[in-house]
Amino acid sequence: MGKHLFVDLSHWQGEKGLSNAAWLQLKACGVKAAIIKATQGTGHVDPTFAVNLRRARRHGFLVGAYHFSDARPGKAQAQHFLRTVRQANGGNLKNLLLVMDVERNPGAGGNPKRGTIANFAKHVQTSAKRNTLLCYTAQGYWQSIGNPQLSHLFDGLWQARWDGKRHTCKAPNLPPKPPRAGFGGWPAARFWQFGMYRYKGRSIDGNAFYGSLAKMRELFMTEAPNKPDPEPLPPPDPAKWREDYNTFVEDAETAVAALTPDGDGATEAKADALAVLSALEIEGMP
């Protein structure tokens, strides 16, 4: 099974954003992607999101955006997240993996619970149908809120489970397979946050995607290609149309004549019906 490194970051990696030199160093270490904090709650925007997004793209990384959630209404949080991401991404959601970060929130917003998580995911899935939506969480927190079975609302799990090992540019030290999930309806996680990743005297949250690089690119680069124009419908067959029309008229005559057992009043109704039929203009009529 292939293993591909990616990082996640926010203003904690520097109030001016990760430097161009750092991006080049990560690329030299084989890091393929970066998932960048965009928003928190219903109003906060990470001050480094736009610059980190721009620099990551400039240096050829696959990119994603994440929202640090709290207990406020899920739909309002999703709207804030998508609005911010679109603004920083040229007015669209093109080629972005999206993430809901679900964990303990020590701030004023409180801890996200089942309803908030579900409503956030539903709104994002409805508004960003072409994008992959992951849930980032740890087993301990998920079980602390009742182990809700919400895997069907997401396109995958990004599991936080630090392994206590040393991971560096020269020795990533990744196990051959990711840990099994076994909570929330997820049997396993293809995205795994394993701990701190050290490179060139720096450190950053380290992660691995388990699968082929082609599959990883597919999940990040989710903008569908332009669909071709549909093939025009073939012209109607005049003979077939006339046959269907005559059958329709005959059926209508029979139905009108059967309005009453003795046919009382059917003559006038039949005449009216036939007048309507003769005036019909059906699309495709030769």
Protein backbone atom coordinates (compact mmCIF):
# COMPACT_ATOMS: atom_id res chain seq x y z
CA MET A 1 0.00 0.00 0.00
CA GLY A 2 1.36 3.39 -0.97
CA LYS A 3 2.00 6.03 1.71
CA HIS A 4 2.09 9.74 0.89
CA LEU A 5 2.95 12.52 3.30
CA PHE A 6 0.90 15.63 3.84
CA VAL A 7 0.86 18.36 6.49
CA ASP A 8 -1.76 20.51 8.16
CA LEU A 9 -1.13 24.03 9.37
CA SER A 10 -2.56 27.29 10.65
CA HIS A 11 -1.36 30.56 12.16
CA TRP A 12 0.50 28.48 14.75
CA GLN A 13 3.18 27.94 12.06
CA GLY A 14 3.75 31.69 11.86
CA GLU A 15 1.57 34.77 11.85
CA LYS A 16 2.82 35.68 8.37
CA GLY A 17 2.18 32.24 6.96
CA LEU A 18 4.60 29.44 6.24
CA SER A 19 7.59 30.90 4.41
CA ASN A 20 8.45 30.09 0.82
CA ALA A 21 11.67 28.49 2.07
CA ALA A 22 9.68 26.18 4.34
CA TRP A 23 7.38 25.15 1.49
CA LEU A 24 10.40 24.32 -0.65
CA GLN A 25 11.89 22.25 2.17
CA LEU A 26 8.66 20.30 2.64
CA LYS A 27 8.51 19.62 -1.07
CA ALA A 28 12.10 18.36 -1.02
CA CYS A 29 11.09 15.96 1.78
CA GLY A 30 8.41 14.43 -0.42
CA VAL A 31 5.35 16.07 1.14
CA LYS A 32 2.51 16.00 -1.40
CA ALA A 33 -0.28 18.06 0.13
CA ALA A 34 -1.24 20.65 2.73
CA ILE A 35 -4.56 21.06 4.53
CA ILE A 36 -4.83 24.61 5.82
CA LYS A 37 -7.01 26.08 8.56
CA ALA A 38 -9.55 28.50 7.11
CA THR A 39 -12.12 29.24 9.77
CA GLN A 40 -13.42 28.61 13.28
CA GLY A 41 -16.95 28.88 14.62
CA THR A 42 -19.24 31.31 12.81
CA GLY A 43 -17.00 34.36 12.48
CA HIS A 44 -13.29 33.72 12.89
CA VAL A 45 -10.97 33.51 9.87
CA ASP A 46 -7.41 32.23 10.28
CA PRO A 47 -5.25 35.23 9.36
CA THR A 48 -2.77 33.05 7.44
CA PHE A 49 -5.27 31.05 5.39
CA ALA A 50 -5.15 33.06 2.17
CA VAL A 51 -1.36 33.41 2.08
CA ASN A 52 -0.76 29.75 2.96
CA LEU A 53 -3.23 28.67 0.29
CA ARG A 54 -1.57 30.85 -2.31
CA ARG A 55 1.95 29.69 -1.46
CA ALA A 56 0.98 26.01 -1.33
CA ARG A 57 -0.50 26.22 -4.82
CA ARG A 58 2.49 28.18 -6.09
CA HIS A 59 4.83 25.40 -4.98
CA GLY A 60 2.74 22.62 -6.51
CA PHE A 61 1.07 21.08 -3.46
CA LEU A 62 -2.35 19.51 -3.42
CA VAL A 63 -4.41 21.67 -1.08
CA GLY A 64 -7.30 21.40 1.32
CA ALA A 65 -9.07 23.68 3.79
CA TYR A 66 -10.36 22.86 7.25
CA HIS A 67 -12.86 24.37 9.66
CA PHE A 68 -12.31 24.16 13.43
CA SER A 69 -15.82 23.54 14.70
CA ASP A 70 -17.56 24.45 17.95
CA ALA A 71 -21.07 24.07 19.39
CA ARG A 72 -22.69 26.87 17.39
CA PRO A 73 -25.28 25.99 14.70
CA GLY A 74 -23.71 23.72 12.11
CA LYS A 75 -25.29 25.33 9.06
CA ALA A 76 -24.08 28.80 10.07
CA GLN A 77 -20.57 27.44 10.57
CA ALA A 78 -20.64 25.73 7.16
CA GLN A 79 -21.80 28.93 5.46
CA HIS A 80 -18.98 30.91 7.08
CA PHE A 81 -16.45 28.24 6.07
CA LEU A 82 -17.53 28.00 2.43
CA ARG A 83 -17.82 31.76 2.02
CA THR A 84 -14.28 32.26 3.34
CA VAL A 85 -12.79 29.47 1.24
CA ARG A 86 -14.44 30.70 -1.95
CA GLN A 87 -13.16 34.23 -1.36
CA ALA A 88 -9.57 33.02 -0.96
CA ASN A 89 -9.81 30.55 -3.84
CA GLY A 90 -10.79 32.87 -6.66
CA GLY A 91 -14.51 32.83 -5.98
CA ASN A 92 -14.98 29.05 -6.22
CA LEU A 93 -14.21 25.75 -4.50
CA LYS A 94 -12.17 24.34 -7.36
CA ASN A 95 -9.62 21.62 -6.51
CA LEU A 96 -9.96 21.78 -2.74
CA LEU A 97 -10.42 18.97 -0.27
CA LEU A 98 -12.68 20.16 2.58
CA VAL A 99 -12.50 19.11 6.24
CA MET A 100 -14.58 19.50 9.38
CA ASP A 101 -12.26 19.44 12.40
CA VAL A 102 -14.19 17.85 15.31
CA GLU A 103 -12.39 17.95 18.65
CA ARG A 104 -12.50 19.53 22.08
CA ASN A 105 -12.75 23.30 21.85
CA PRO A 106 -11.30 25.13 24.86
CA GLY A 107 -12.68 28.45 23.63
CA ALA A 108 -16.00 30.17 24.20
CA GLY A 109 -17.75 28.32 21.39
CA GLY A 110 -17.99 25.03 23.26
CA ASN A 111 -17.51 21.48 22.06
CA PRO A 112 -19.21 20.33 18.84
CA LYS A 113 -21.91 17.70 19.32
CA ARG A 114 -23.89 15.39 17.07
CA GLY A 115 -26.44 17.91 15.76
CA THR A 116 -23.81 20.51 14.90
CA ILE A 117 -21.67 17.93 13.10
CA ALA A 118 -24.59 16.54 11.10
CA ASN A 119 -25.93 19.95 10.05
CA PHE A 120 -22.49 21.18 9.02
CA ALA A 121 -21.83 18.10 6.90
CA LYS A 122 -25.26 18.19 5.24
CA HIS A 123 -24.88 21.83 4.22
CA VAL A 124 -21.36 21.35 2.83
CA GLN A 125 -22.35 18.22 0.92
CA THR A 126 -25.28 20.09 -0.61
CA SER A 127 -23.29 23.23 -1.45
CA ALA A 128 -20.02 21.59 -2.55
CA LYS A 129 -21.08 18.44 -4.36
CA ARG A 130 -17.85 18.11 -6.34
CA ASN A 131 -15.55 18.32 -3.31
CA THR A 132 -14.37 15.59 -0.98
CA LEU A 133 -15.49 16.23 2.62
CA LEU A 134 -13.53 14.57 5.43
CA CYS A 135 -14.15 14.46 9.15
CA TYR A 136 -11.02 14.99 11.24
CA THR A 137 -11.39 13.60 14.74
CA ALA A 138 -9.96 11.29 17.39
CA GLN A 139 -11.63 8.17 18.69
CA GLY A 140 -11.61 9.39 22.29
CA TYR A 141 -13.48 12.60 21.55
CA TRP A 142 -15.96 10.94 19.19
CA GLN A 143 -16.88 8.37 21.78
CA SER A 144 -17.20 11.07 24.45
CA ILE A 145 -20.12 12.58 22.50
CA GLY A 146 -21.93 9.25 22.24
CA ASN A 147 -20.18 7.66 19.23
CA PRO A 148 -22.76 9.03 16.73
CA GLN A 149 -22.95 7.00 13.52
CA LEU A 150 -22.37 9.82 11.03
CA SER A 151 -19.91 8.28 8.58
CA HIS A 152 -22.57 8.40 5.84
CA LEU A 153 -22.45 12.21 5.91
CA PHE A 154 -18.76 12.37 5.03
CA ASP A 155 -16.56 11.04 2.25
CA GLY A 156 -13.99 9.66 4.65
CA LEU A 157 -12.26 9.87 8.01
CA TRP A 158 -9.03 11.67 8.83
CA GLN A 159 -8.07 10.09 12.14
CA ALA A 160 -5.94 11.84 14.75
CA ARG A 161 -3.90 9.18 16.51
CA TRP A 162 -0.37 10.09 17.49
CA ASP A 163 1.94 7.11 17.71
CA GLY A 164 4.68 8.58 19.89
CA LYS A 165 7.42 7.85 17.35
CA ARG A 166 9.93 10.21 15.84
CA HIS A 167 9.10 11.22 12.27
CA THR A 168 11.59 13.19 10.19
CA CYS A 169 12.31 14.12 6.62
CA LYS A 170 15.03 11.48 6.36
CA ALA A 171 13.10 8.84 8.33
CA PRO A 172 9.30 9.26 8.09
CA ASN A 173 8.95 6.01 10.09
CA LEU A 174 5.40 5.20 8.97
CA PRO A 175 3.84 1.79 9.58
CA PRO A 176 2.72 -0.15 6.51
CA LYS A 177 -0.98 0.29 7.31
CA PRO A 178 -3.01 3.00 9.05
CA PRO A 179 -4.76 2.27 12.36
CA ARG A 180 -8.23 0.78 12.26
CA ALA A 181 -10.96 3.21 13.21
CA GLY A 182 -13.93 1.21 14.50
CA PHE A 183 -16.06 4.17 15.62
CA GLY A 184 -18.69 6.46 14.14
CA GLY A 185 -19.41 3.94 11.38
CA TRP A 186 -15.88 4.17 9.93
CA PRO A 187 -14.09 0.81 9.70
CA ALA A 188 -10.77 2.46 8.80
CA ALA A 189 -9.14 5.76 7.90
CA ARG A 190 -7.07 6.43 4.78
CA PHE A 191 -5.95 9.77 6.21
CA TRP A 192 -3.94 9.56 9.44
CA GLN A 193 -2.39 12.26 11.60
CA PHE A 194 0.50 10.42 13.24
CA GLY A 195 2.26 13.20 15.19
CA MET A 196 4.86 15.89 14.73
CA TYR A 197 6.91 15.84 11.54
CA ARG A 198 10.38 17.36 11.74
CA TYR A 199 12.18 18.86 8.76
CA LYS A 200 15.20 21.14 8.49
CA GLY A 201 15.03 22.22 12.13
CA ARG A 202 11.29 22.88 11.96
CA SER A 203 8.23 20.90 13.04
CA ILE A 204 4.66 20.67 11.76
CA ASP A 205 1.69 18.31 12.12
CA GLY A 206 2.53 15.22 10.09
CA ASN A 207 0.04 13.04 8.25
CA ALA A 208 -0.08 10.22 5.75
CA PHE A 209 -2.52 9.18 3.06
CA TYR A 210 -2.68 5.44 2.46
CA GLY A 211 -3.32 4.58 -1.17
CA SER A 212 -2.04 5.42 -4.60
CA LEU A 213 -0.91 8.91 -5.50
CA ALA A 214 -3.50 8.88 -8.28
CA LYS A 215 -6.25 8.26 -5.73
CA MET A 216 -4.90 10.99 -3.48
CA ARG A 217 -4.94 13.45 -6.36
CA GLU A 218 -8.48 12.41 -7.24
CA LEU A 219 -9.69 13.22 -3.71
CA PHE A 220 -8.00 16.64 -3.65
CA MET A 221 -8.50 17.63 -7.30
CA THR A 222 -12.25 17.24 -7.25
CA GLU A 223 -13.33 19.71 -9.91
CA ALA A 224 -15.16 17.66 -12.53
CA PRO A 225 -14.19 18.23 -16.17
CA ASN A 226 -16.55 20.13 -18.41
CA LYS A 227 -19.34 17.87 -19.51
CA PRO A 228 -19.95 17.60 -23.27
CA ASP A 229 -23.19 18.92 -24.66
CA PRO A 230 -25.85 16.21 -24.77
CA GLU A 231 -26.53 14.52 -28.08
CA PRO A 232 -29.60 16.02 -29.82
CA LEU A 233 -32.70 13.88 -29.86
CA PRO A 234 -33.42 12.19 -33.21
CA PRO A 235 -36.32 13.65 -35.23
CA PRO A 236 -39.66 11.88 -34.72
CA ASP A 237 -40.75 9.20 -37.16
CA PRO A 238 -43.86 10.66 -38.91
CA ALA A 239 -45.41 7.24 -39.52
CA LYS A 240 -44.91 6.21 -35.90
CA TRP A 241 -46.23 9.52 -34.65
CA ARG A 242 -49.38 9.22 -36.84
CA GLU A 243 -50.00 5.69 -35.58
CA ASP A 244 -49.70 6.79 -31.96
CA TYR A 245 -51.95 9.77 -32.59
CA ASN A 246 -54.68 7.71 -34.26
CA THR A 247 -54.55 5.23 -31.38
CA PHE A 248 -54.91 8.10 -28.93
CA VAL A 249 -57.96 9.47 -30.77
CA GLU A 250 -59.62 6.03 -30.90
CA ASP A 251 -59.03 5.51 -27.19
CA ALA A 252 -60.45 8.96 -26.46
CA GLU A 253 -63.59 8.22 -28.51
CA THR A 254 -64.12 4.96 -26.65
CA ALA A 255 -63.63 6.60 -23.27
CA VAL A 256 -66.07 9.43 -24.07
CA ALA A 257 -68.74 7.06 -25.40
CA ALA A 258 -68.54 5.09 -22.17
CA LEU A 259 -69.29 8.05 -19.94
CA THR A 260 -72.81 6.68 -19.22
CA PRO A 261 -74.18 3.17 -19.80
CA ASP A 262 -76.75 4.34 -22.32
CA GLY A 263 -74.57 6.95 -23.93
CA ASP A 264 -76.87 9.73 -22.75
CA GLY A 265 -75.07 13.05 -23.13
CA ALA A 266 -72.04 11.39 -24.67
CA THR A 267 -72.74 12.73 -28.15
CA GLU A 268 -72.14 16.32 -27.14
CA ALA A 269 -69.17 15.35 -24.98
CA LYS A 270 -67.72 13.33 -27.82
CA ALA A 271 -68.08 16.22 -30.23
CA ASP A 272 -66.38 18.55 -27.79
CA ALA A 273 -63.56 16.09 -27.19
CA LEU A 274 -62.97 15.56 -30.89
CA ALA A 275 -62.91 19.30 -31.44
CA VAL A 276 -60.19 19.59 -28.84
CA LEU A 277 -58.24 16.68 -30.34
CA SER A 278 -58.36 18.19 -33.80
CA ALA A 279 -56.97 21.46 -32.43
CA LEU A 280 -54.07 19.82 -30.58
CA GLU A 281 -50.59 20.71 -31.76
CA ILE A 282 -48.27 18.00 -30.53
CA GLU A 283 -44.48 18.60 -30.73
CA GLY A 284 -43.05 16.58 -33.60
CA MET A 285 -46.32 16.45 -35.58
CA PRO A 286 -45.48 16.10 -39.27
